[in-house]
Amino acid sequence: MTEAAPTGDERLDAAPTGDERLDAAPTGDERLDAWVHGTVQGVGFRWWTRSRALELGLVGSATNTADGRVHVVAEGPSDRLDALLAALRSDATPGSVTTVVDSRGPARGGLSGFVER
């Protein structure tokens, strides 16, 4: 005997309840905010950062700021954020990084993919 595919009404029963949020970050994930200083605009830095973040399975963004910095926001497991931060501070980046100022906190969720802005 084969089971029928769930109908629309049956799928609603599996929807999250009031205490669950669709955009909530998985438990234990963190958020990294990093402001990267140096020659980091117009050199492929955001694309490079996006590639590293996706390789690490992180979500977030890399955004040019008006003052010439790049603001990197990433969420995911702490060890993967550590790896991204180490990459941002490495000699392997495009351009020339002089300083990376970072802060950490709990993940806020609501992010998907990793985008360049």
PDB file of N, CA and C in Angstrom:
ATOM      1  N   MET A   1       0.838  -1.172   0.000  1.00  0.00           N
ATOM      2  CA  MET A   1       0.000   0.000   0.000  1.00  0.00           C
ATOM      3  C   MET A   1       0.885   1.237   0.000  1.00  0.00           C
ATOM      4  N   THR A   2       0.658   2.145  -0.910  1.00  0.00           N
ATOM      5  CA  THR A   2       1.447   3.374  -0.971  1.00  0.00           C
ATOM      6  C   THR A   2       0.667   4.510  -0.334  1.00  0.00           C
ATOM      7  N   GLU A   3       1.432   5.426   0.297  1.00  0.00           N
ATOM      8  CA  GLU A   3       0.797   6.571   0.945  1.00  0.00           C
ATOM      9  C   GLU A   3       0.640   7.695  -0.064  1.00  0.00           C
ATOM     10  N   ALA A   4      -0.446   8.418   0.057  1.00  0.00           N
ATOM     11  CA  ALA A   4      -0.695   9.563  -0.815  1.00  0.00           C
ATOM     12  C   ALA A   4       0.173  10.729  -0.374  1.00  0.00           C
ATOM     13  N   ALA A   5       0.515  11.584  -1.316  1.00  0.00           N
ATOM     14  CA  ALA A   5       1.275  12.799  -0.994  1.00  0.00           C
ATOM     15  C   ALA A   5       0.426  13.679  -0.098  1.00  0.00           C
ATOM     16  N   PRO A   6       1.068  14.411   0.821  1.00  0.00           N
ATOM     17  CA  PRO A   6       0.299  15.258   1.733  1.00  0.00           C
ATOM     18  C   PRO A   6      -0.458  16.332   0.968  1.00  0.00           C
ATOM     19  N   THR A   7      -1.653  16.613   1.430  1.00  0.00           N
ATOM     20  CA  THR A   7      -2.436  17.698   0.835  1.00  0.00           C
ATOM     21  C   THR A   7      -1.996  19.008   1.452  1.00  0.00           C
ATOM     22  N   GLY A   8      -2.517  20.088   0.935  1.00  0.00           N
ATOM     23  CA  GLY A   8      -2.173  21.405   1.476  1.00  0.00           C
ATOM     24  C   GLY A   8      -2.474  21.507   2.960  1.00  0.00           C
ATOM     25  N   ASP A   9      -3.615  20.947   3.405  1.00  0.00           N
ATOM     26  CA  ASP A   9      -3.994  21.028   4.813  1.00  0.00           C
ATOM     27  C   ASP A   9      -3.033  20.249   5.695  1.00  0.00           C
ATOM     28  N   GLU A  10      -2.576  19.077   5.232  1.00  0.00           N
ATOM     29  CA  GLU A  10      -1.652  18.274   6.027  1.00  0.00           C
ATOM     30  C   GLU A  10      -0.298  18.958   6.157  1.00  0.00           C
ATOM     31  N   ARG A  11       0.142  19.685   5.115  1.00  0.00           N
ATOM     32  CA  ARG A  11       1.424  20.389   5.181  1.00  0.00           C
ATOM     33  C   ARG A  11       1.373  21.521   6.188  1.00  0.00           C
ATOM     34  N   LEU A  12       0.215  22.128   6.381  1.00  0.00           N
ATOM     35  CA  LEU A  12       0.086  23.201   7.360  1.00  0.00           C
ATOM     36  C   LEU A  12       0.343  22.696   8.771  1.00  0.00           C
ATOM     37  N   ASP A  13      -0.001  21.428   9.037  1.00  0.00           N
ATOM     38  CA  ASP A  13       0.225  20.869  10.363  1.00  0.00           C
ATOM     39  C   ASP A  13       1.703  20.840  10.720  1.00  0.00           C
ATOM     40  N   ALA A  14       2.586  20.785   9.730  1.00  0.00           N
ATOM     41  CA  ALA A  14       4.021  20.720   9.976  1.00  0.00           C
ATOM     42  C   ALA A  14       4.656  22.102  10.053  1.00  0.00           C
ATOM     43  N   ALA A  15       3.866  23.162   9.877  1.00  0.00           N
ATOM     44  CA  ALA A  15       4.411  24.521   9.910  1.00  0.00           C
ATOM     45  C   ALA A  15       4.905  24.850  11.308  1.00  0.00           C
ATOM     46  N   PRO A  16       5.892  25.761  11.409  1.00  0.00           N
ATOM     47  CA  PRO A  16       6.404  26.138  12.725  1.00  0.00           C
ATOM     48  C   PRO A  16       5.309  26.737  13.595  1.00  0.00           C
ATOM     49  N   THR A  17       5.421  26.512  14.884  1.00  0.00           N
ATOM     50  CA  THR A  17       4.481  27.090  15.833  1.00  0.00           C
ATOM     51  C   THR A  17       4.952  28.471  16.217  1.00  0.00           C
ATOM     52  N   GLY A  18       4.255  29.148  17.071  1.00  0.00           N
ATOM     53  CA  GLY A  18       4.579  30.518  17.453  1.00  0.00           C
ATOM     54  C   GLY A  18       5.964  30.693  18.044  1.00  0.00           C
ATOM     55  N   ASP A  19       6.511  29.667  18.707  1.00  0.00           N
ATOM     56  CA  ASP A  19       7.821  29.795  19.340  1.00  0.00           C
ATOM     57  C   ASP A  19       8.974  29.600  18.368  1.00  0.00           C
ATOM     58  N   GLU A  20       8.705  29.128  17.155  1.00  0.00           N
ATOM     59  CA  GLU A  20       9.745  28.879  16.166  1.00  0.00           C
ATOM     60  C   GLU A  20       9.703  29.972  15.112  1.00  0.00           C
ATOM     61  N   ARG A  21      10.869  30.429  14.663  1.00  0.00           N
ATOM     62  CA  ARG A  21      10.940  31.436  13.606  1.00  0.00           C
ATOM     63  C   ARG A  21      11.641  30.834  12.411  1.00  0.00           C
ATOM     64  N   LEU A  22      11.089  31.081  11.224  1.00  0.00           N
ATOM     65  CA  LEU A  22      11.698  30.548  10.008  1.00  0.00           C
ATOM     66  C   LEU A  22      13.081  31.128   9.774  1.00  0.00           C
ATOM     67  N   ASP A  23      13.316  32.382  10.191  1.00  0.00           N
ATOM     68  CA  ASP A  23      14.593  33.031   9.921  1.00  0.00           C
ATOM     69  C   ASP A  23      15.555  32.946  11.107  1.00  0.00           C
ATOM     70  N   ALA A  24      15.223  32.194  12.116  1.00  0.00           N
ATOM     71  CA  ALA A  24      16.090  32.087  13.283  1.00  0.00           C
ATOM     72  C   ALA A  24      17.357  31.318  12.929  1.00  0.00           C
ATOM     73  N   ALA A  25      18.466  31.751  13.514  1.00  0.00           N
ATOM     74  CA  ALA A  25      19.737  31.074  13.281  1.00  0.00           C
ATOM     75  C   ALA A  25      19.782  29.795  14.110  1.00  0.00           C
ATOM     76  N   PRO A  26      20.462  28.766  13.603  1.00  0.00           N
ATOM     77  CA  PRO A  26      20.589  27.540  14.391  1.00  0.00           C
ATOM     78  C   PRO A  26      21.271  27.822  15.727  1.00  0.00           C
ATOM     79  N   THR A  27      20.901  27.077  16.733  1.00  0.00           N
ATOM     80  CA  THR A  27      21.474  27.242  18.064  1.00  0.00           C
ATOM     81  C   THR A  27      22.995  27.109  18.007  1.00  0.00           C
ATOM     82  N   GLY A  28      23.677  28.010  18.693  1.00  0.00           N
ATOM     83  CA  GLY A  28      25.130  27.955  18.757  1.00  0.00           C
ATOM     84  C   GLY A  28      25.833  28.775  17.693  1.00  0.00           C
ATOM     85  N   ASP A  29      25.120  29.238  16.683  1.00  0.00           N
ATOM     86  CA  ASP A  29      25.755  30.073  15.666  1.00  0.00           C
ATOM     87  C   ASP A  29      26.035  31.460  16.223  1.00  0.00           C
ATOM     88  N   GLU A  30      27.043  32.106  15.635  1.00  0.00           N
ATOM     89  CA  GLU A  30      27.432  33.445  16.050  1.00  0.00           C
ATOM     90  C   GLU A  30      27.401  34.377  14.852  1.00  0.00           C
ATOM     91  N   ARG A  31      27.537  35.665  15.135  1.00  0.00           N
ATOM     92  CA  ARG A  31      27.609  36.697  14.107  1.00  0.00           C
ATOM     93  C   ARG A  31      28.959  37.397  14.231  1.00  0.00           C
ATOM     94  N   LEU A  32      29.610  37.569  13.100  1.00  0.00           N
ATOM     95  CA  LEU A  32      30.865  38.312  13.012  1.00  0.00           C
ATOM     96  C   LEU A  32      30.595  39.591  12.238  1.00  0.00           C
ATOM     97  N   ASP A  33      30.990  40.713  12.816  1.00  0.00           N
ATOM     98  CA  ASP A  33      31.029  41.992  12.108  1.00  0.00           C
ATOM     99  C   ASP A  33      32.492  42.373  12.019  1.00  0.00           C
ATOM    100  N   ALA A  34      32.995  42.554  10.804  1.00  0.00           N
ATOM    101  CA  ALA A  34      34.404  42.910  10.607  1.00  0.00           C
ATOM    102  C   ALA A  34      34.490  44.105   9.669  1.00  0.00           C
ATOM    103  N   TRP A  35      35.230  45.125  10.096  1.00  0.00           N
ATOM    104  CA  TRP A  35      35.468  46.301   9.271  1.00  0.00           C
ATOM    105  C   TRP A  35      36.910  46.202   8.790  1.00  0.00           C
ATOM    106  N   VAL A  36      37.053  46.050   7.476  1.00  0.00           N
ATOM    107  CA  VAL A  36      38.363  45.802   6.882  1.00  0.00           C
ATOM    108  C   VAL A  36      38.883  47.115   6.298  1.00  0.00           C
ATOM    109  N   HIS A  37      40.059  47.531   6.762  1.00  0.00           N
ATOM    110  CA  HIS A  37      40.691  48.777   6.343  1.00  0.00           C
ATOM    111  C   HIS A  37      41.840  48.476   5.380  1.00  0.00           C
ATOM    112  N   GLY A  38      42.141  49.414   4.524  1.00  0.00           N
ATOM    113  CA  GLY A  38      43.262  49.297   3.591  1.00  0.00           C
ATOM    114  C   GLY A  38      42.788  49.571   2.179  1.00  0.00           C
ATOM    115  N   THR A  39      43.507  49.050   1.205  1.00  0.00           N
ATOM    116  CA  THR A  39      43.092  49.149  -0.196  1.00  0.00           C
ATOM    117  C   THR A  39      42.256  47.914  -0.486  1.00  0.00           C
ATOM    118  N   VAL A  40      40.939  48.041  -0.224  1.00  0.00           N
ATOM    119  CA  VAL A  40      40.056  46.878  -0.312  1.00  0.00           C
ATOM    120  C   VAL A  40      38.844  47.128  -1.207  1.00  0.00           C
ATOM    121  N   GLN A  41      38.798  48.266  -1.867  1.00  0.00           N
ATOM    122  CA  GLN A  41      37.712  48.538  -2.811  1.00  0.00           C
ATOM    123  C   GLN A  41      38.285  48.627  -4.212  1.00  0.00           C
ATOM    124  N   GLY A  42      37.565  48.046  -5.163  1.00  0.00           N
ATOM    125  CA  GLY A  42      38.001  48.072  -6.551  1.00  0.00           C
ATOM    126  C   GLY A  42      39.089  47.071  -6.887  1.00  0.00           C
ATOM    127  N   VAL A  43      39.291  46.087  -6.004  1.00  0.00           N
ATOM    128  CA  VAL A  43      40.363  45.103  -6.219  1.00  0.00           C
ATOM    129  C   VAL A  43      39.866  43.658  -6.156  1.00  0.00           C
ATOM    130  N   GLY A  44      38.537  43.465  -6.111  1.00  0.00           N
ATOM    131  CA  GLY A  44      37.972  42.118  -6.028  1.00  0.00           C
ATOM    132  C   GLY A  44      37.875  41.575  -4.618  1.00  0.00           C
ATOM    133  N   PHE A  45      38.025  42.443  -3.630  1.00  0.00           N
ATOM    134  CA  PHE A  45      38.027  41.989  -2.243  1.00  0.00           C
ATOM    135  C   PHE A  45      36.677  41.399  -1.808  1.00  0.00           C
ATOM    136  N   ARG A  46      35.572  42.048  -2.161  1.00  0.00           N
ATOM    137  CA  ARG A  46      34.255  41.539  -1.765  1.00  0.00           C
ATOM    138  C   ARG A  46      33.976  40.186  -2.410  1.00  0.00           C
ATOM    139  N   TRP A  47      34.321  40.046  -3.704  1.00  0.00           N
ATOM    140  CA  TRP A  47      34.137  38.767  -4.393  1.00  0.00           C
ATOM    141  C   TRP A  47      34.966  37.682  -3.712  1.00  0.00           C
ATOM    142  N   TRP A  48      36.214  37.993  -3.395  1.00  0.00           N
ATOM    143  CA  TRP A  48      37.107  37.045  -2.732  1.00  0.00           C
ATOM    144  C   TRP A  48      36.543  36.640  -1.363  1.00  0.00           C
ATOM    145  N   THR A  49      36.051  37.635  -0.612  1.00  0.00           N
ATOM    146  CA  THR A  49      35.465  37.368   0.710  1.00  0.00           C
ATOM    147  C   THR A  49      34.240  36.478   0.577  1.00  0.00           C
ATOM    148  N   ARG A  50      33.388  36.777  -0.408  1.00  0.00           N
ATOM    149  CA  ARG A  50      32.195  35.961  -0.646  1.00  0.00           C
ATOM    150  C   ARG A  50      32.594  34.512  -0.933  1.00  0.00           C
ATOM    151  N   SER A  51      33.603  34.312  -1.772  1.00  0.00           N
ATOM    152  CA  SER A  51      34.072  32.960  -2.105  1.00  0.00           C
ATOM    153  C   SER A  51      34.538  32.218  -0.860  1.00  0.00           C
ATOM    154  N   ARG A  52      35.334  32.885  -0.003  1.00  0.00           N
ATOM    155  CA  ARG A  52      35.815  32.232   1.223  1.00  0.00           C
ATOM    156  C   ARG A  52      34.639  31.889   2.138  1.00  0.00           C
ATOM    157  N   ALA A  53      33.694  32.815   2.281  1.00  0.00           N
ATOM    158  CA  ALA A  53      32.548  32.586   3.172  1.00  0.00           C
ATOM    159  C   ALA A  53      31.701  31.416   2.685  1.00  0.00           C
ATOM    160  N   LEU A  54      31.455  31.351   1.377  1.00  0.00           N
ATOM    161  CA  LEU A  54      30.665  30.249   0.833  1.00  0.00           C
ATOM    162  C   LEU A  54      31.385  28.916   1.002  1.00  0.00           C
ATOM    163  N   GLU A  55      32.699  28.903   0.821  1.00  0.00           N
ATOM    164  CA  GLU A  55      33.475  27.675   1.045  1.00  0.00           C
ATOM    165  C   GLU A  55      33.332  27.187   2.483  1.00  0.00           C
ATOM    166  N   LEU A  56      33.182  28.127   3.407  1.00  0.00           N
ATOM    167  CA  LEU A  56      33.052  27.790   4.825  1.00  0.00           C
ATOM    168  C   LEU A  56      31.607  27.544   5.248  1.00  0.00           C
ATOM    169  N   GLY A  57      30.668  27.721   4.333  1.00  0.00           N
ATOM    170  CA  GLY A  57      29.263  27.496   4.645  1.00  0.00           C
ATOM    171  C   GLY A  57      28.629  28.601   5.469  1.00  0.00           C
ATOM    172  N   LEU A  58      29.146  29.814   5.344  1.00  0.00           N
ATOM    173  CA  LEU A  58      28.625  30.952   6.102  1.00  0.00           C
ATOM    174  C   LEU A  58      27.610  31.740   5.283  1.00  0.00           C
ATOM    175  N   VAL A  59      26.777  32.506   5.952  1.00  0.00           N
ATOM    176  CA  VAL A  59      25.840  33.412   5.299  1.00  0.00           C
ATOM    177  C   VAL A  59      26.176  34.832   5.723  1.00  0.00           C
ATOM    178  N   GLY A  60      25.823  35.804   4.858  1.00  0.00           N
ATOM    179  CA  GLY A  60      26.079  37.195   5.226  1.00  0.00           C
ATOM    180  C   GLY A  60      26.303  38.069   4.026  1.00  0.00           C
ATOM    181  N   SER A  61      27.198  39.069   4.203  1.00  0.00           N
ATOM    182  CA  SER A  61      27.452  40.038   3.138  1.00  0.00           C
ATOM    183  C   SER A  61      28.804  40.704   3.314  1.00  0.00           C
ATOM    184  N   ALA A  62      29.281  41.279   2.211  1.00  0.00           N
ATOM    185  CA  ALA A  62      30.472  42.129   2.202  1.00  0.00           C
ATOM    186  C   ALA A  62      30.065  43.412   1.488  1.00  0.00           C
ATOM    187  N   THR A  63      30.178  44.538   2.179  1.00  0.00           N
ATOM    188  CA  THR A  63      29.640  45.801   1.690  1.00  0.00           C
ATOM    189  C   THR A  63      30.709  46.879   1.684  1.00  0.00           C
ATOM    190  N   ASN A  64      30.862  47.582   0.556  1.00  0.00           N
ATOM    191  CA  ASN A  64      31.728  48.759   0.508  1.00  0.00           C
ATOM    192  C   ASN A  64      31.112  49.867   1.347  1.00  0.00           C
ATOM    193  N   THR A  65      31.944  50.598   2.079  1.00  0.00           N
ATOM    194  CA  THR A  65      31.469  51.753   2.837  1.00  0.00           C
ATOM    195  C   THR A  65      32.015  53.020   2.186  1.00  0.00           C
ATOM    196  N   ALA A  66      31.378  54.139   2.475  1.00  0.00           N
ATOM    197  CA  ALA A  66      31.760  55.414   1.855  1.00  0.00           C
ATOM    198  C   ALA A  66      33.176  55.840   2.213  1.00  0.00           C
ATOM    199  N   ASP A  67      33.684  55.378   3.342  1.00  0.00           N
ATOM    200  CA  ASP A  67      35.028  55.793   3.775  1.00  0.00           C
ATOM    201  C   ASP A  67      36.138  54.865   3.274  1.00  0.00           C
ATOM    202  N   GLY A  68      35.813  53.921   2.374  1.00  0.00           N
ATOM    203  CA  GLY A  68      36.833  53.071   1.770  1.00  0.00           C
ATOM    204  C   GLY A  68      37.019  51.715   2.423  1.00  0.00           C
ATOM    205  N   ARG A  69      36.322  51.461   3.516  1.00  0.00           N
ATOM    206  CA  ARG A  69      36.415  50.157   4.170  1.00  0.00           C
ATOM    207  C   ARG A  69      35.431  49.178   3.529  1.00  0.00           C
ATOM    208  N   VAL A  70      35.562  47.903   3.890  1.00  0.00           N
ATOM    209  CA  VAL A  70      34.568  46.892   3.557  1.00  0.00           C
ATOM    210  C   VAL A  70      34.038  46.350   4.876  1.00  0.00           C
ATOM    211  N   HIS A  71      32.718  46.336   5.006  1.00  0.00           N
ATOM    212  CA  HIS A  71      32.067  45.792   6.201  1.00  0.00           C
ATOM    213  C   HIS A  71      31.616  44.376   5.875  1.00  0.00           C
ATOM    214  N   VAL A  72      32.137  43.425   6.614  1.00  0.00           N
ATOM    215  CA  VAL A  72      31.796  42.013   6.418  1.00  0.00           C
ATOM    216  C   VAL A  72      30.910  41.573   7.576  1.00  0.00           C
ATOM    217  N   VAL A  73      29.757  41.016   7.241  1.00  0.00           N
ATOM    218  CA  VAL A  73      28.846  40.426   8.222  1.00  0.00           C
ATOM    219  C   VAL A  73      28.726  38.955   7.856  1.00  0.00           C
ATOM    220  N   ALA A  74      28.978  38.086   8.821  1.00  0.00           N
ATOM    221  CA  ALA A  74      28.877  36.647   8.554  1.00  0.00           C
ATOM    222  C   ALA A  74      28.284  35.963   9.773  1.00  0.00           C
ATOM    223  N   GLU A  75      27.469  34.945   9.507  1.00  0.00           N
ATOM    224  CA  GLU A  75      26.899  34.146  10.581  1.00  0.00           C
ATOM    225  C   GLU A  75      27.143  32.670  10.307  1.00  0.00           C
ATOM    226  N   GLY A  76      27.408  31.937  11.402  1.00  0.00           N
ATOM    227  CA  GLY A  76      27.646  30.512  11.317  1.00  0.00           C
ATOM    228  C   GLY A  76      28.375  30.027  12.551  1.00  0.00           C
ATOM    229  N   PRO A  77      28.873  28.807  12.514  1.00  0.00           N
ATOM    230  CA  PRO A  77      29.612  28.254  13.649  1.00  0.00           C
ATOM    231  C   PRO A  77      30.878  29.053  13.949  1.00  0.00           C
ATOM    232  N   SER A  78      31.203  29.154  15.212  1.00  0.00           N
ATOM    233  CA  SER A  78      32.342  29.953  15.673  1.00  0.00           C
ATOM    234  C   SER A  78      33.651  29.585  14.982  1.00  0.00           C
ATOM    235  N   ASP A  79      33.930  28.283  14.817  1.00  0.00           N
ATOM    236  CA  ASP A  79      35.195  27.885  14.210  1.00  0.00           C
ATOM    237  C   ASP A  79      35.293  28.320  12.750  1.00  0.00           C
ATOM    238  N   ARG A  80      34.169  28.347  12.055  1.00  0.00           N
ATOM    239  CA  ARG A  80      34.175  28.784  10.654  1.00  0.00           C
ATOM    240  C   ARG A  80      34.323  30.304  10.565  1.00  0.00           C
ATOM    241  N   LEU A  81      33.741  31.021  11.531  1.00  0.00           N
ATOM    242  CA  LEU A  81      33.939  32.474  11.578  1.00  0.00           C
ATOM    243  C   LEU A  81      35.398  32.793  11.875  1.00  0.00           C
ATOM    244  N   ASP A  82      36.016  31.995  12.753  1.00  0.00           N
ATOM    245  CA  ASP A  82      37.452  32.165  13.035  1.00  0.00           C
ATOM    246  C   ASP A  82      38.268  31.993  11.758  1.00  0.00           C
ATOM    247  N   ALA A  83      37.913  31.002  10.947  1.00  0.00           N
ATOM    248  CA  ALA A  83      38.638  30.751   9.696  1.00  0.00           C
ATOM    249  C   ALA A  83      38.458  31.911   8.720  1.00  0.00           C
ATOM    250  N   LEU A  84      37.250  32.464   8.637  1.00  0.00           N
ATOM    251  CA  LEU A  84      37.037  33.615   7.751  1.00  0.00           C
ATOM    252  C   LEU A  84      37.829  34.816   8.238  1.00  0.00           C
ATOM    253  N   LEU A  85      37.813  35.065   9.526  1.00  0.00           N
ATOM    254  CA  LEU A  85      38.565  36.194  10.082  1.00  0.00           C
ATOM    255  C   LEU A  85      40.064  36.037   9.823  1.00  0.00           C
ATOM    256  N   ALA A  86      40.576  34.837   9.968  1.00  0.00           N
ATOM    257  CA  ALA A  86      41.995  34.585   9.677  1.00  0.00           C
ATOM    258  C   ALA A  86      42.288  34.852   8.204  1.00  0.00           C
ATOM    259  N   ALA A  87      41.365  34.456   7.313  1.00  0.00           N
ATOM    260  CA  ALA A  87      41.548  34.710   5.884  1.00  0.00           C
ATOM    261  C   ALA A  87      41.551  36.211   5.596  1.00  0.00           C
ATOM    262  N   LEU A  88      40.648  36.957   6.247  1.00  0.00           N
ATOM    263  CA  LEU A  88      40.601  38.408   6.043  1.00  0.00           C
ATOM    264  C   LEU A  88      41.905  39.075   6.481  1.00  0.00           C
ATOM    265  N   ARG A  89      42.550  38.504   7.480  1.00  0.00           N
ATOM    266  CA  ARG A  89      43.800  39.077   8.008  1.00  0.00           C
ATOM    267  C   ARG A  89      45.055  38.513   7.332  1.00  0.00           C
ATOM    268  N   SER A  90      44.868  37.585   6.401  1.00  0.00           N
ATOM    269  CA  SER A  90      46.016  36.929   5.765  1.00  0.00           C
ATOM    270  C   SER A  90      46.612  37.784   4.647  1.00  0.00           C
ATOM    271  N   ASP A  91      47.751  37.348   4.155  1.00  0.00           N
ATOM    272  CA  ASP A  91      48.394  38.006   3.015  1.00  0.00           C
ATOM    273  C   ASP A  91      47.789  37.564   1.687  1.00  0.00           C
ATOM    274  N   ALA A  92      46.800  36.676   1.712  1.00  0.00           N
ATOM    275  CA  ALA A  92      46.224  36.126   0.487  1.00  0.00           C
ATOM    276  C   ALA A  92      45.086  36.973  -0.091  1.00  0.00           C
ATOM    277  N   THR A  93      44.687  38.036   0.599  1.00  0.00           N
ATOM    278  CA  THR A  93      43.560  38.846   0.128  1.00  0.00           C
ATOM    279  C   THR A  93      43.953  39.690  -1.074  1.00  0.00           C
ATOM    280  N   PRO A  94      42.979  39.999  -1.935  1.00  0.00           N
ATOM    281  CA  PRO A  94      43.257  40.980  -2.989  1.00  0.00           C
ATOM    282  C   PRO A  94      43.439  42.356  -2.341  1.00  0.00           C
ATOM    283  N   GLY A  95      44.173  43.208  -2.984  1.00  0.00           N
ATOM    284  CA  GLY A  95      44.409  44.536  -2.415  1.00  0.00           C
ATOM    285  C   GLY A  95      45.391  44.457  -1.276  1.00  0.00           C
ATOM    286  N   SER A  96      45.206  45.342  -0.321  1.00  0.00           N
ATOM    287  CA  SER A  96      46.122  45.413   0.814  1.00  0.00           C
ATOM    288  C   SER A  96      45.334  45.714   2.082  1.00  0.00           C
ATOM    289  N   VAL A  97      45.260  44.751   2.988  1.00  0.00           N
ATOM    290  CA  VAL A  97      44.556  44.931   4.251  1.00  0.00           C
ATOM    291  C   VAL A  97      45.546  45.454   5.279  1.00  0.00           C
ATOM    292  N   THR A  98      45.190  46.581   5.909  1.00  0.00           N
ATOM    293  CA  THR A  98      46.053  47.132   6.955  1.00  0.00           C
ATOM    294  C   THR A  98      45.551  46.792   8.354  1.00  0.00           C
ATOM    295  N   THR A  99      44.222  46.749   8.518  1.00  0.00           N
ATOM    296  CA  THR A  99      43.622  46.481   9.828  1.00  0.00           C
ATOM    297  C   THR A  99      42.264  45.817   9.637  1.00  0.00           C
ATOM    298  N   VAL A 100      41.938  44.905  10.534  1.00  0.00           N
ATOM    299  CA  VAL A 100      40.593  44.341  10.591  1.00  0.00           C
ATOM    300  C   VAL A 100      40.104  44.522  12.027  1.00  0.00           C
ATOM    301  N   VAL A 101      39.022  45.275  12.173  1.00  0.00           N
ATOM    302  CA  VAL A 101      38.402  45.487  13.480  1.00  0.00           C
ATOM    303  C   VAL A 101      37.159  44.616  13.506  1.00  0.00           C
ATOM    304  N   ASP A 102      37.061  43.731  14.501  1.00  0.00           N
ATOM    305  CA  ASP A 102      35.943  42.795  14.508  1.00  0.00           C
ATOM    306  C   ASP A 102      35.223  42.769  15.840  1.00  0.00           C
ATOM    307  N   SER A 103      33.977  42.326  15.784  1.00  0.00           N
ATOM    308  CA  SER A 103      33.192  42.084  16.988  1.00  0.00           C
ATOM    309  C   SER A 103      32.337  40.850  16.744  1.00  0.00           C
ATOM    310  N   ARG A 104      31.981  40.178  17.832  1.00  0.00           N
ATOM    311  CA  ARG A 104      31.186  38.945  17.755  1.00  0.00           C
ATOM    312  C   ARG A 104      29.978  39.078  18.661  1.00  0.00           C
ATOM    313  N   GLY A 105      28.955  38.342  18.310  1.00  0.00           N
ATOM    314  CA  GLY A 105      27.751  38.285  19.128  1.00  0.00           C
ATOM    315  C   GLY A 105      26.915  37.114  18.678  1.00  0.00           C
ATOM    316  N   PRO A 106      25.755  36.962  19.276  1.00  0.00           N
ATOM    317  CA  PRO A 106      24.876  35.871  18.858  1.00  0.00           C
ATOM    318  C   PRO A 106      24.331  36.124  17.459  1.00  0.00           C
ATOM    319  N   ALA A 107      24.107  35.060  16.720  1.00  0.00           N
ATOM    320  CA  ALA A 107      23.537  35.189  15.380  1.00  0.00           C
ATOM    321  C   ALA A 107      22.139  35.780  15.491  1.00  0.00           C
ATOM    322  N   ARG A 108      21.781  36.611  14.514  1.00  0.00           N
ATOM    323  CA  ARG A 108      20.455  37.227  14.488  1.00  0.00           C
ATOM    324  C   ARG A 108      19.511  36.499  13.539  1.00  0.00           C
ATOM    325  N   GLY A 109      20.086  35.706  12.620  1.00  0.00           N
ATOM    326  CA  GLY A 109      19.263  35.000  11.648  1.00  0.00           C
ATOM    327  C   GLY A 109      18.763  35.936  10.561  1.00  0.00           C
ATOM    328  N   GLY A 110      17.907  35.417   9.713  1.00  0.00           N
ATOM    329  CA  GLY A 110      17.330  36.218   8.648  1.00  0.00           C
ATOM    330  C   GLY A 110      18.222  36.387   7.429  1.00  0.00           C
ATOM    331  N   LEU A 111      19.391  35.760   7.408  1.00  0.00           N
ATOM    332  CA  LEU A 111      20.321  35.861   6.282  1.00  0.00           C
ATOM    333  C   LEU A 111      20.272  34.596   5.451  1.00  0.00           C
ATOM    334  N   SER A 112      20.497  34.750   4.147  1.00  0.00           N
ATOM    335  CA  SER A 112      20.626  33.565   3.300  1.00  0.00           C
ATOM    336  C   SER A 112      21.652  33.872   2.226  1.00  0.00           C
ATOM    337  N   GLY A 113      22.481  32.902   1.935  1.00  0.00           N
ATOM    338  CA  GLY A 113      23.546  33.108   0.956  1.00  0.00           C
ATOM    339  C   GLY A 113      24.577  34.086   1.479  1.00  0.00           C
ATOM    340  N   PHE A 114      25.447  34.515   0.584  1.00  0.00           N
ATOM    341  CA  PHE A 114      26.447  35.529   0.941  1.00  0.00           C
ATOM    342  C   PHE A 114      26.510  36.494  -0.236  1.00  0.00           C
ATOM    343  N   VAL A 115      26.207  37.755   0.007  1.00  0.00           N
ATOM    344  CA  VAL A 115      26.065  38.731  -1.073  1.00  0.00           C
ATOM    345  C   VAL A 115      27.124  39.824  -1.000  1.00  0.00           C
ATOM    346  N   GLU A 116      27.420  40.359  -2.160  1.00  0.00           N
ATOM    347  CA  GLU A 116      28.286  41.532  -2.282  1.00  0.00           C
ATOM    348  C   GLU A 116      27.381  42.746  -2.443  1.00  0.00           C
ATOM    349  N   ARG A 117      27.679  43.778  -1.704  1.00  0.00           N
ATOM    350  CA  ARG A 117      26.889  45.021  -1.823  1.00  0.00           C
ATOM    351  C   ARG A 117      27.803  46.173  -2.120  1.00  0.00           C
TER     352      ARG A 117
END
